[in-house]
Amino acid sequence: MKIIFARHGETDENAARCYLGHFDACLNETGRQQIHRLAEHVRQVYGKEITRIYCSDLSRTRESAEIIGSYLQLQPVSIHALRELHFGDWECETYDSIRERDLLQEWIQNPFQIAPPHGETLQQLGNRVDTWLSHILLHEKEDETILVMSHGGPIRWVLAKWILGDLQEFWNAEGVKHGSGLVIKLGRDGNLCAIIDRMTWNE
């Protein structure tokens, strides 16, 4: 099995470098252009292989998945577990606007156990992503290719835990830009084992 993990296109909040988690932002025009570019590449290279599209249930990922789905004639399935980290009171705030607040430095040093106020920890994000992904690996067919449209946080979690095998590499793992993706091959032992393609472009 191959899994294509793609990141949604840009939003105005992303462009402003805000923490954007569960806030339901929409794509901006740049984001739509990014996804159309990705969709054309996916159609040309993997279009005949992809059997399903899954996406986070937030607007920016659903729209991104629907654009790609229109190229592949597939209807995306929305999954709550694929959402970005919930930043709680820090949603739509920039680092500069919250750097003097309580918990910020503690969260940066230990995001696995410390959550933003009224938000969630990275471990909580990872638990929901792992549960869903384990289900997919158990029930999808070995010869299938699926596309998963999600966010930066969940994709970094997969890279750190499932590919690098070390959660402490979460911040060091090479992430995925907006409107880009990577292709991961499933090993014979049922684990994700290797990145076999990166779909990214210079902006």
N, C-alpha and C. Protein backbone atom coordinates (compact mmCIF):
# COMPACT_ATOMS: atom_id res chain seq x y z
N MET A 1 0.84 -1.19 0.00
CA MET A 1 0.00 0.00 0.00
C MET A 1 0.88 1.25 0.00
N LYS A 2 0.40 2.27 -0.72
CA LYS A 2 1.03 3.58 -0.65
C LYS A 2 0.02 4.58 -0.09
N ILE A 3 0.52 5.49 0.73
CA ILE A 3 -0.32 6.56 1.28
C ILE A 3 0.30 7.89 0.90
N ILE A 4 -0.48 8.73 0.24
CA ILE A 4 -0.05 10.09 -0.09
C ILE A 4 -0.58 11.03 0.99
N PHE A 5 0.31 11.59 1.77
CA PHE A 5 -0.07 12.59 2.76
C PHE A 5 0.12 13.98 2.16
N ALA A 6 -0.95 14.72 2.05
CA ALA A 6 -0.89 16.07 1.47
C ALA A 6 -1.36 17.10 2.49
N ARG A 7 -0.80 18.30 2.37
CA ARG A 7 -1.19 19.40 3.26
C ARG A 7 -2.07 20.37 2.49
N HIS A 8 -3.10 20.84 3.14
CA HIS A 8 -4.05 21.77 2.53
C HIS A 8 -3.34 23.02 1.99
N GLY A 9 -4.01 23.75 1.13
CA GLY A 9 -3.48 24.99 0.61
C GLY A 9 -3.51 26.11 1.65
N GLU A 10 -2.89 27.20 1.29
CA GLU A 10 -2.74 28.34 2.21
C GLU A 10 -4.07 29.03 2.52
N THR A 11 -4.18 29.55 3.72
CA THR A 11 -5.28 30.41 4.14
C THR A 11 -4.71 31.79 4.48
N ASP A 12 -5.59 32.76 4.66
CA ASP A 12 -5.13 34.09 5.06
C ASP A 12 -4.44 34.03 6.42
N GLU A 13 -4.93 33.16 7.30
CA GLU A 13 -4.34 33.02 8.63
C GLU A 13 -2.94 32.42 8.54
N ASN A 14 -2.77 31.45 7.65
CA ASN A 14 -1.43 30.90 7.42
C ASN A 14 -0.48 31.98 6.91
N ALA A 15 -0.95 32.77 5.96
CA ALA A 15 -0.12 33.82 5.38
C ALA A 15 0.31 34.83 6.44
N ALA A 16 -0.54 35.04 7.46
CA ALA A 16 -0.23 35.96 8.55
C ALA A 16 0.59 35.30 9.64
N ARG A 17 0.94 34.02 9.45
CA ARG A 17 1.77 33.23 10.38
C ARG A 17 1.09 33.09 11.75
N CYS A 18 -0.20 32.83 11.70
CA CYS A 18 -0.98 32.61 12.92
C CYS A 18 -0.98 31.11 13.27
N TYR A 19 -1.15 30.82 14.57
CA TYR A 19 -1.43 29.45 14.99
C TYR A 19 -2.83 29.12 14.49
N LEU A 20 -2.94 28.11 13.66
CA LEU A 20 -4.22 27.78 13.06
C LEU A 20 -4.47 26.30 13.26
N GLY A 21 -5.36 25.97 14.18
CA GLY A 21 -5.65 24.60 14.50
C GLY A 21 -7.06 24.22 14.10
N HIS A 22 -8.00 24.28 15.06
CA HIS A 22 -9.38 23.91 14.79
C HIS A 22 -10.22 25.06 14.27
N PHE A 23 -9.68 26.28 14.26
CA PHE A 23 -10.41 27.39 13.66
C PHE A 23 -10.69 27.07 12.20
N ASP A 24 -11.93 27.26 11.76
CA ASP A 24 -12.35 26.75 10.46
C ASP A 24 -12.12 27.77 9.35
N ALA A 25 -10.87 27.99 9.03
CA ALA A 25 -10.49 28.94 7.99
C ALA A 25 -10.67 28.33 6.60
N CYS A 26 -10.89 29.18 5.62
CA CYS A 26 -11.03 28.74 4.23
C CYS A 26 -9.74 29.02 3.46
N LEU A 27 -9.56 28.35 2.35
CA LEU A 27 -8.42 28.62 1.49
C LEU A 27 -8.50 30.03 0.93
N ASN A 28 -7.33 30.64 0.72
CA ASN A 28 -7.31 31.88 -0.05
C ASN A 28 -6.97 31.52 -1.50
N GLU A 29 -6.86 32.53 -2.36
CA GLU A 29 -6.66 32.24 -3.78
C GLU A 29 -5.31 31.57 -4.02
N THR A 30 -4.30 31.98 -3.27
CA THR A 30 -3.00 31.31 -3.38
C THR A 30 -3.13 29.83 -3.03
N GLY A 31 -3.87 29.55 -1.96
CA GLY A 31 -4.07 28.17 -1.54
C GLY A 31 -4.76 27.34 -2.60
N ARG A 32 -5.74 27.92 -3.26
CA ARG A 32 -6.44 27.16 -4.32
C ARG A 32 -5.50 26.88 -5.49
N GLN A 33 -4.68 27.86 -5.84
CA GLN A 33 -3.72 27.64 -6.92
C GLN A 33 -2.73 26.54 -6.54
N GLN A 34 -2.28 26.54 -5.28
CA GLN A 34 -1.37 25.49 -4.82
C GLN A 34 -1.99 24.11 -4.97
N ILE A 35 -3.25 23.98 -4.61
CA ILE A 35 -3.91 22.68 -4.66
C ILE A 35 -4.19 22.24 -6.10
N HIS A 36 -4.53 23.17 -6.96
CA HIS A 36 -4.72 22.79 -8.37
C HIS A 36 -3.41 22.27 -8.96
N ARG A 37 -2.30 22.90 -8.61
CA ARG A 37 -0.99 22.43 -9.07
C ARG A 37 -0.70 21.02 -8.54
N LEU A 38 -0.98 20.81 -7.25
CA LEU A 38 -0.79 19.49 -6.67
C LEU A 38 -1.71 18.46 -7.31
N ALA A 39 -2.95 18.85 -7.52
CA ALA A 39 -3.93 17.93 -8.10
C ALA A 39 -3.52 17.47 -9.49
N GLU A 40 -3.01 18.38 -10.31
CA GLU A 40 -2.58 18.02 -11.65
C GLU A 40 -1.41 17.05 -11.60
N HIS A 41 -0.48 17.29 -10.69
CA HIS A 41 0.66 16.38 -10.53
C HIS A 41 0.19 15.00 -10.07
N VAL A 42 -0.67 14.98 -9.07
CA VAL A 42 -1.18 13.71 -8.55
C VAL A 42 -1.94 12.95 -9.64
N ARG A 43 -2.74 13.67 -10.41
CA ARG A 43 -3.50 13.01 -11.49
C ARG A 43 -2.57 12.37 -12.50
N GLN A 44 -1.52 13.08 -12.88
CA GLN A 44 -0.61 12.57 -13.90
C GLN A 44 0.23 11.39 -13.39
N VAL A 45 0.67 11.45 -12.14
CA VAL A 45 1.62 10.45 -11.64
C VAL A 45 0.92 9.29 -10.93
N TYR A 46 -0.14 9.60 -10.17
CA TYR A 46 -0.75 8.56 -9.33
C TYR A 46 -2.25 8.38 -9.59
N GLY A 47 -2.77 9.11 -10.55
CA GLY A 47 -4.22 9.13 -10.76
C GLY A 47 -4.86 7.77 -10.96
N LYS A 48 -4.16 6.88 -11.66
CA LYS A 48 -4.74 5.56 -11.95
C LYS A 48 -4.66 4.63 -10.74
N GLU A 49 -3.88 5.00 -9.73
CA GLU A 49 -3.69 4.13 -8.57
C GLU A 49 -4.62 4.46 -7.42
N ILE A 50 -4.96 5.73 -7.25
CA ILE A 50 -5.65 6.18 -6.04
C ILE A 50 -7.09 5.68 -6.02
N THR A 51 -7.46 5.03 -4.94
CA THR A 51 -8.80 4.48 -4.81
C THR A 51 -9.67 5.25 -3.83
N ARG A 52 -9.07 5.98 -2.88
CA ARG A 52 -9.84 6.71 -1.88
C ARG A 52 -9.11 7.99 -1.49
N ILE A 53 -9.91 8.98 -1.09
CA ILE A 53 -9.37 10.22 -0.54
C ILE A 53 -10.00 10.44 0.82
N TYR A 54 -9.17 10.63 1.83
CA TYR A 54 -9.62 10.99 3.18
C TYR A 54 -9.12 12.40 3.49
N CYS A 55 -9.87 13.11 4.32
CA CYS A 55 -9.44 14.46 4.67
C CYS A 55 -9.93 14.84 6.06
N SER A 56 -9.24 15.77 6.67
CA SER A 56 -9.73 16.41 7.89
C SER A 56 -11.09 17.05 7.58
N ASP A 57 -11.91 17.20 8.60
CA ASP A 57 -13.26 17.74 8.38
C ASP A 57 -13.32 19.27 8.43
N LEU A 58 -12.17 19.95 8.48
CA LEU A 58 -12.14 21.41 8.46
C LEU A 58 -12.21 21.93 7.02
N SER A 59 -12.72 23.14 6.86
CA SER A 59 -13.02 23.66 5.52
C SER A 59 -11.81 23.70 4.61
N ARG A 60 -10.64 24.10 5.13
CA ARG A 60 -9.47 24.24 4.28
C ARG A 60 -8.98 22.90 3.72
N THR A 61 -9.17 21.83 4.50
CA THR A 61 -8.78 20.51 4.01
C THR A 61 -9.87 19.89 3.14
N ARG A 62 -11.10 20.12 3.50
CA ARG A 62 -12.19 19.57 2.69
C ARG A 62 -12.18 20.18 1.30
N GLU A 63 -11.99 21.51 1.22
CA GLU A 63 -11.94 22.15 -0.10
C GLU A 63 -10.74 21.65 -0.89
N SER A 64 -9.60 21.52 -0.22
CA SER A 64 -8.41 21.01 -0.89
C SER A 64 -8.65 19.60 -1.43
N ALA A 65 -9.25 18.75 -0.61
CA ALA A 65 -9.53 17.37 -1.02
C ALA A 65 -10.56 17.32 -2.14
N GLU A 66 -11.54 18.21 -2.10
CA GLU A 66 -12.56 18.22 -3.14
C GLU A 66 -11.98 18.65 -4.49
N ILE A 67 -11.03 19.59 -4.45
CA ILE A 67 -10.37 19.99 -5.70
C ILE A 67 -9.64 18.81 -6.30
N ILE A 68 -8.85 18.11 -5.49
CA ILE A 68 -8.13 16.94 -5.99
C ILE A 68 -9.11 15.85 -6.42
N GLY A 69 -10.16 15.68 -5.64
CA GLY A 69 -11.17 14.68 -5.99
C GLY A 69 -11.82 14.95 -7.34
N SER A 70 -11.97 16.24 -7.70
CA SER A 70 -12.56 16.57 -8.99
C SER A 70 -11.66 16.16 -10.15
N TYR A 71 -10.35 16.15 -9.91
CA TYR A 71 -9.40 15.70 -10.92
C TYR A 71 -9.42 14.18 -11.06
N LEU A 72 -9.72 13.49 -9.96
CA LEU A 72 -9.64 12.03 -9.93
C LEU A 72 -11.00 11.34 -9.97
N GLN A 73 -12.06 12.15 -9.97
CA GLN A 73 -13.43 11.63 -9.94
C GLN A 73 -13.66 10.76 -8.70
N LEU A 74 -13.19 11.27 -7.56
CA LEU A 74 -13.38 10.60 -6.28
C LEU A 74 -13.97 11.58 -5.28
N GLN A 75 -14.85 11.09 -4.42
CA GLN A 75 -15.46 11.92 -3.38
C GLN A 75 -14.71 11.73 -2.08
N PRO A 76 -14.14 12.80 -1.51
CA PRO A 76 -13.39 12.65 -0.25
C PRO A 76 -14.30 12.27 0.92
N VAL A 77 -13.70 11.57 1.88
CA VAL A 77 -14.38 11.20 3.12
C VAL A 77 -13.77 12.02 4.25
N SER A 78 -14.59 12.79 4.96
CA SER A 78 -14.10 13.66 6.03
C SER A 78 -13.89 12.86 7.32
N ILE A 79 -12.75 13.09 7.97
CA ILE A 79 -12.38 12.37 9.19
C ILE A 79 -11.96 13.38 10.26
N HIS A 80 -12.67 13.40 11.38
CA HIS A 80 -12.37 14.34 12.46
C HIS A 80 -10.96 14.13 13.01
N ALA A 81 -10.49 12.90 13.06
CA ALA A 81 -9.20 12.58 13.66
C ALA A 81 -8.03 13.20 12.92
N LEU A 82 -8.23 13.62 11.67
CA LEU A 82 -7.14 14.17 10.87
C LEU A 82 -6.99 15.68 11.05
N ARG A 83 -7.70 16.26 12.00
CA ARG A 83 -7.58 17.70 12.25
C ARG A 83 -6.19 18.08 12.76
N GLU A 84 -5.88 19.36 12.59
CA GLU A 84 -4.66 19.94 13.15
C GLU A 84 -4.75 19.96 14.67
N LEU A 85 -3.61 20.19 15.33
CA LEU A 85 -3.60 20.38 16.77
C LEU A 85 -4.55 21.51 17.16
N HIS A 86 -5.28 21.31 18.25
CA HIS A 86 -6.17 22.35 18.77
C HIS A 86 -5.34 23.30 19.63
N PHE A 87 -5.21 24.55 19.16
CA PHE A 87 -4.40 25.53 19.86
C PHE A 87 -5.17 26.32 20.92
N GLY A 88 -6.44 26.01 21.13
CA GLY A 88 -7.20 26.63 22.21
C GLY A 88 -7.22 28.15 22.13
N ASP A 89 -6.81 28.79 23.23
CA ASP A 89 -6.85 30.26 23.30
C ASP A 89 -5.84 30.92 22.37
N TRP A 90 -4.93 30.14 21.80
CA TRP A 90 -3.93 30.72 20.90
C TRP A 90 -4.35 30.67 19.43
N GLU A 91 -5.53 30.15 19.16
CA GLU A 91 -6.00 30.09 17.78
C GLU A 91 -6.00 31.48 17.14
N CYS A 92 -5.46 31.56 15.92
CA CYS A 92 -5.41 32.79 15.12
C CYS A 92 -4.55 33.89 15.74
N GLU A 93 -3.70 33.51 16.68
CA GLU A 93 -2.73 34.45 17.25
C GLU A 93 -1.35 34.15 16.67
N THR A 94 -0.50 35.17 16.58
CA THR A 94 0.88 34.96 16.15
C THR A 94 1.75 34.69 17.36
N TYR A 95 2.95 34.15 17.09
CA TYR A 95 3.89 33.92 18.18
C TYR A 95 4.19 35.22 18.92
N ASP A 96 4.41 36.30 18.18
CA ASP A 96 4.73 37.58 18.82
C ASP A 96 3.62 38.07 19.73
N SER A 97 2.38 37.78 19.38
CA SER A 97 1.26 38.29 20.18
C SER A 97 1.05 37.50 21.47
N ILE A 98 1.62 36.28 21.56
CA ILE A 98 1.39 35.47 22.76
C ILE A 98 2.68 35.11 23.49
N ARG A 99 3.83 35.64 23.05
CA ARG A 99 5.10 35.17 23.61
C ARG A 99 5.29 35.53 25.08
N GLU A 100 4.52 36.50 25.59
CA GLU A 100 4.63 36.84 27.00
C GLU A 100 3.59 36.13 27.87
N ARG A 101 2.77 35.32 27.26
CA ARG A 101 1.70 34.68 28.02
C ARG A 101 2.21 33.44 28.76
N ASP A 102 1.43 33.07 29.78
CA ASP A 102 1.77 31.87 30.53
C ASP A 102 1.72 30.64 29.64
N LEU A 103 2.57 29.71 29.91
CA LEU A 103 2.60 28.38 29.30
C LEU A 103 3.28 28.31 27.92
N LEU A 104 3.52 29.43 27.25
CA LEU A 104 4.06 29.33 25.90
C LEU A 104 5.41 28.62 25.89
N GLN A 105 6.34 29.09 26.72
CA GLN A 105 7.66 28.48 26.73
C GLN A 105 7.61 27.04 27.24
N GLU A 106 6.74 26.79 28.22
CA GLU A 106 6.58 25.43 28.73
C GLU A 106 6.04 24.51 27.63
N TRP A 107 5.10 25.03 26.83
CA TRP A 107 4.54 24.23 25.73
C TRP A 107 5.60 23.96 24.67
N ILE A 108 6.39 24.96 24.32
CA ILE A 108 7.42 24.77 23.31
C ILE A 108 8.42 23.70 23.75
N GLN A 109 8.76 23.68 25.04
CA GLN A 109 9.73 22.72 25.56
C GLN A 109 9.15 21.32 25.73
N ASN A 110 7.84 21.22 25.96
CA ASN A 110 7.23 19.90 26.18
C ASN A 110 5.80 19.87 25.64
N PRO A 111 5.65 19.95 24.30
CA PRO A 111 4.30 19.98 23.73
C PRO A 111 3.57 18.65 23.81
N PHE A 112 4.29 17.57 24.14
CA PHE A 112 3.64 16.27 24.23
C PHE A 112 2.77 16.14 25.48
N GLN A 113 3.12 16.87 26.53
CA GLN A 113 2.38 16.78 27.79
C GLN A 113 1.72 18.07 28.21
N ILE A 114 2.11 19.19 27.62
CA ILE A 114 1.53 20.49 27.96
C ILE A 114 0.74 21.00 26.77
N ALA A 115 -0.47 21.46 27.03
CA ALA A 115 -1.35 21.95 25.98
C ALA A 115 -1.52 23.46 26.08
N PRO A 116 -1.76 24.13 24.97
CA PRO A 116 -2.17 25.53 25.04
C PRO A 116 -3.45 25.63 25.87
N PRO A 117 -3.70 26.76 26.51
CA PRO A 117 -4.93 26.90 27.31
C PRO A 117 -6.18 26.53 26.49
N HIS A 118 -6.94 25.57 27.01
CA HIS A 118 -8.16 25.07 26.38
C HIS A 118 -7.89 24.38 25.05
N GLY A 119 -6.64 23.94 24.84
CA GLY A 119 -6.29 23.23 23.63
C GLY A 119 -5.94 21.77 23.93
N GLU A 120 -5.12 21.17 23.09
CA GLU A 120 -4.73 19.78 23.29
C GLU A 120 -3.21 19.62 23.17
N THR A 121 -2.70 18.55 23.74
CA THR A 121 -1.27 18.25 23.64
C THR A 121 -0.97 17.54 22.32
N LEU A 122 0.31 17.50 21.98
CA LEU A 122 0.70 16.73 20.80
C LEU A 122 0.39 15.25 20.98
N GLN A 123 0.50 14.77 22.21
CA GLN A 123 0.19 13.37 22.45
C GLN A 123 -1.28 13.08 22.16
N GLN A 124 -2.16 14.01 22.51
CA GLN A 124 -3.58 13.83 22.21
C GLN A 124 -3.82 13.83 20.71
N LEU A 125 -3.15 14.74 20.00
CA LEU A 125 -3.24 14.74 18.55
C LEU A 125 -2.76 13.39 18.01
N GLY A 126 -1.59 12.94 18.51
CA GLY A 126 -1.03 11.69 18.03
C GLY A 126 -1.90 10.49 18.29
N ASN A 127 -2.57 10.49 19.44
CA ASN A 127 -3.44 9.36 19.77
C ASN A 127 -4.57 9.20 18.75
N ARG A 128 -5.17 10.32 18.37
CA ARG A 128 -6.28 10.21 17.41
C ARG A 128 -5.77 9.87 16.01
N VAL A 129 -4.63 10.44 15.62
CA VAL A 129 -4.07 10.11 14.32
C VAL A 129 -3.66 8.64 14.27
N ASP A 130 -2.99 8.15 15.33
CA ASP A 130 -2.55 6.76 15.36
C ASP A 130 -3.72 5.79 15.30
N THR A 131 -4.78 6.09 16.05
CA THR A 131 -5.94 5.21 16.07
C THR A 131 -6.54 5.08 14.68
N TRP A 132 -6.70 6.22 14.01
CA TRP A 132 -7.29 6.19 12.67
C TRP A 132 -6.36 5.50 11.68
N LEU A 133 -5.08 5.83 11.72
CA LEU A 133 -4.14 5.27 10.76
C LEU A 133 -3.98 3.76 10.95
N SER A 134 -3.97 3.31 12.19
CA SER A 134 -3.88 1.87 12.45
C SER A 134 -5.08 1.14 11.86
N HIS A 135 -6.25 1.75 11.97
CA HIS A 135 -7.46 1.17 11.39
C HIS A 135 -7.34 1.07 9.87
N ILE A 136 -6.82 2.13 9.25
CA ILE A 136 -6.66 2.15 7.80
C ILE A 136 -5.69 1.05 7.35
N LEU A 137 -4.57 0.93 8.04
CA LEU A 137 -3.57 -0.06 7.66
C LEU A 137 -4.11 -1.48 7.81
N LEU A 138 -5.05 -1.65 8.73
CA LEU A 138 -5.61 -2.97 8.97
C LEU A 138 -6.65 -3.35 7.93
N HIS A 139 -7.39 -2.34 7.43
CA HIS A 139 -8.56 -2.66 6.62
C HIS A 139 -8.41 -2.35 5.13
N GLU A 140 -7.48 -1.48 4.74
CA GLU A 140 -7.32 -1.22 3.32
C GLU A 140 -6.52 -2.35 2.67
N LYS A 141 -6.64 -2.50 1.37
CA LYS A 141 -5.98 -3.57 0.64
C LYS A 141 -4.52 -3.24 0.38
N GLU A 142 -3.69 -4.27 0.28
CA GLU A 142 -2.25 -4.10 0.12
C GLU A 142 -1.88 -3.38 -1.16
N ASP A 143 -2.67 -3.55 -2.21
CA ASP A 143 -2.30 -2.97 -3.50
C ASP A 143 -2.94 -1.60 -3.74
N GLU A 144 -3.55 -1.02 -2.72
CA GLU A 144 -4.23 0.26 -2.88
C GLU A 144 -3.29 1.44 -2.63
N THR A 145 -3.65 2.57 -3.21
CA THR A 145 -3.02 3.86 -2.91
C THR A 145 -4.12 4.80 -2.46
N ILE A 146 -3.96 5.39 -1.30
CA ILE A 146 -4.94 6.34 -0.80
C ILE A 146 -4.28 7.69 -0.61
N LEU A 147 -5.06 8.74 -0.69
CA LEU A 147 -4.58 10.10 -0.45
C LEU A 147 -5.22 10.63 0.81
N VAL A 148 -4.40 11.19 1.70
CA VAL A 148 -4.87 11.74 2.97
C VAL A 148 -4.55 13.23 2.99
N MET A 149 -5.57 14.07 2.98
CA MET A 149 -5.39 15.52 3.02
C MET A 149 -5.53 15.98 4.47
N SER A 150 -4.44 16.48 5.01
CA SER A 150 -4.46 16.86 6.41
C SER A 150 -3.71 18.17 6.63
N HIS A 151 -3.03 18.27 7.77
CA HIS A 151 -2.39 19.51 8.22
C HIS A 151 -0.93 19.25 8.58
N GLY A 152 -0.20 20.32 8.84
CA GLY A 152 1.21 20.18 9.17
C GLY A 152 1.48 19.32 10.38
N GLY A 153 0.70 19.50 11.44
CA GLY A 153 0.92 18.76 12.68
C GLY A 153 0.74 17.26 12.54
N PRO A 154 -0.39 16.79 12.05
CA PRO A 154 -0.57 15.35 11.87
C PRO A 154 0.46 14.72 10.94
N ILE A 155 0.87 15.44 9.89
CA ILE A 155 1.87 14.88 8.98
C ILE A 155 3.22 14.77 9.68
N ARG A 156 3.58 15.78 10.47
CA ARG A 156 4.84 15.70 11.24
C ARG A 156 4.79 14.54 12.24
N TRP A 157 3.64 14.31 12.83
CA TRP A 157 3.50 13.19 13.77
C TRP A 157 3.79 11.87 13.06
N VAL A 158 3.20 11.69 11.88
CA VAL A 158 3.43 10.46 11.12
C VAL A 158 4.92 10.31 10.78
N LEU A 159 5.54 11.40 10.37
CA LEU A 159 6.96 11.34 10.03
C LEU A 159 7.81 10.95 11.24
N ALA A 160 7.54 11.62 12.37
CA ALA A 160 8.36 11.37 13.56
C ALA A 160 8.15 9.97 14.11
N LYS A 161 6.90 9.55 14.26
CA LYS A 161 6.62 8.27 14.90
C LYS A 161 6.72 7.09 13.94
N TRP A 162 6.10 7.21 12.79
CA TRP A 162 5.96 6.05 11.92
C TRP A 162 7.13 5.88 10.96
N ILE A 163 7.82 6.96 10.63
CA ILE A 163 8.94 6.86 9.71
C ILE A 163 10.27 6.90 10.45
N LEU A 164 10.48 7.93 11.28
CA LEU A 164 11.74 8.08 11.99
C LEU A 164 11.79 7.26 13.27
N GLY A 165 10.63 6.89 13.80
CA GLY A 165 10.59 6.07 15.01
C GLY A 165 11.04 6.79 16.25
N ASP A 166 10.92 8.13 16.27
CA ASP A 166 11.37 8.91 17.42
C ASP A 166 10.54 10.18 17.51
N LEU A 167 9.64 10.25 18.49
CA LEU A 167 8.77 11.41 18.63
C LEU A 167 9.55 12.69 18.91
N GLN A 168 10.75 12.56 19.47
CA GLN A 168 11.55 13.75 19.75
C GLN A 168 12.01 14.43 18.46
N GLU A 169 11.84 13.75 17.33
CA GLU A 169 12.19 14.34 16.04
C GLU A 169 11.03 15.13 15.44
N PHE A 170 9.96 15.32 16.22
CA PHE A 170 8.76 15.98 15.68
C PHE A 170 9.11 17.32 15.04
N TRP A 171 9.84 18.17 15.75
CA TRP A 171 10.16 19.50 15.23
C TRP A 171 11.27 19.45 14.18
N ASN A 172 12.09 18.40 14.20
CA ASN A 172 13.22 18.31 13.27
C ASN A 172 12.84 17.67 11.94
N ALA A 173 11.76 16.91 11.92
CA ALA A 173 11.34 16.24 10.69
C ALA A 173 11.04 17.27 9.60
N GLU A 174 11.46 16.98 8.40
CA GLU A 174 11.18 17.90 7.29
C GLU A 174 9.69 17.89 6.99
N GLY A 175 9.04 19.01 7.25
CA GLY A 175 7.59 19.07 7.09
C GLY A 175 7.16 19.18 5.63
N VAL A 176 5.88 19.44 5.46
CA VAL A 176 5.29 19.55 4.13
C VAL A 176 4.69 20.95 3.98
N LYS A 177 5.06 21.63 2.91
CA LYS A 177 4.53 22.97 2.66
C LYS A 177 3.06 22.91 2.25
N HIS A 178 2.39 24.05 2.33
CA HIS A 178 1.01 24.11 1.88
C HIS A 178 0.92 23.72 0.40
N GLY A 179 -0.05 22.88 0.11
CA GLY A 179 -0.23 22.44 -1.26
C GLY A 179 0.82 21.48 -1.75
N SER A 180 1.50 20.82 -0.83
CA SER A 180 2.52 19.83 -1.18
C SER A 180 2.19 18.50 -0.52
N GLY A 181 3.01 17.49 -0.79
CA GLY A 181 2.72 16.19 -0.21
C GLY A 181 3.91 15.26 -0.25
N LEU A 182 3.74 14.11 0.31
CA LEU A 182 4.75 13.06 0.25
C LEU A 182 4.07 11.70 0.14
N VAL A 183 4.79 10.75 -0.42
CA VAL A 183 4.25 9.42 -0.64
C VAL A 183 5.03 8.44 0.23
N ILE A 184 4.30 7.66 1.01
CA ILE A 184 4.91 6.71 1.93
C ILE A 184 4.51 5.29 1.54
N LYS A 185 5.49 4.43 1.53
CA LYS A 185 5.28 3.02 1.18
C LYS A 185 5.08 2.20 2.44
N LEU A 186 4.11 1.31 2.41
CA LEU A 186 3.84 0.42 3.53
C LEU A 186 4.72 -0.80 3.46
N GLY A 187 5.42 -1.11 4.56
CA GLY A 187 6.28 -2.28 4.60
C GLY A 187 5.51 -3.57 4.78
N ARG A 188 6.18 -4.68 4.57
CA ARG A 188 5.53 -5.99 4.67
C ARG A 188 5.08 -6.31 6.09
N ASP A 189 5.73 -5.67 7.09
CA ASP A 189 5.37 -5.94 8.48
C ASP A 189 4.17 -5.14 8.94
N GLY A 190 3.55 -4.38 8.00
CA GLY A 190 2.37 -3.61 8.35
C GLY A 190 2.66 -2.23 8.85
N ASN A 191 3.93 -1.82 8.86
CA ASN A 191 4.30 -0.48 9.30
C ASN A 191 4.68 0.38 8.11
N LEU A 192 4.46 1.70 8.28
CA LEU A 192 4.95 2.63 7.27
C LEU A 192 6.47 2.62 7.34
N CYS A 193 7.13 2.52 6.19
CA CYS A 193 8.58 2.29 6.27
C CYS A 193 9.43 3.30 5.56
N ALA A 194 8.96 3.95 4.50
CA ALA A 194 9.86 4.82 3.75
C ALA A 194 9.09 5.85 2.94
N ILE A 195 9.69 7.04 2.83
CA ILE A 195 9.17 8.06 1.92
C ILE A 195 9.74 7.75 0.54
N ILE A 196 8.88 7.59 -0.43
CA ILE A 196 9.36 7.25 -1.77
C ILE A 196 9.21 8.40 -2.75
N ASP A 197 8.53 9.48 -2.36
CA ASP A 197 8.39 10.63 -3.25
C ASP A 197 7.98 11.84 -2.43
N ARG A 198 8.57 12.99 -2.75
CA ARG A 198 8.14 14.26 -2.17
C ARG A 198 7.62 15.16 -3.29
N MET A 199 6.42 15.66 -3.10
CA MET A 199 5.81 16.55 -4.08
C MET A 199 5.82 17.95 -3.51
N THR A 200 6.82 18.73 -3.87
CA THR A 200 6.95 20.08 -3.33
C THR A 200 7.53 20.98 -4.40
N TRP A 201 7.25 22.25 -4.29
CA TRP A 201 7.69 23.22 -5.28
C TRP A 201 8.20 24.46 -4.59
N ASN A 202 9.13 25.15 -5.22
CA ASN A 202 9.62 26.43 -4.70
C ASN A 202 8.58 27.51 -4.97
N GLU A 203 8.29 28.28 -3.92
CA GLU A 203 7.28 29.33 -4.08
C GLU A 203 7.91 30.58 -4.69
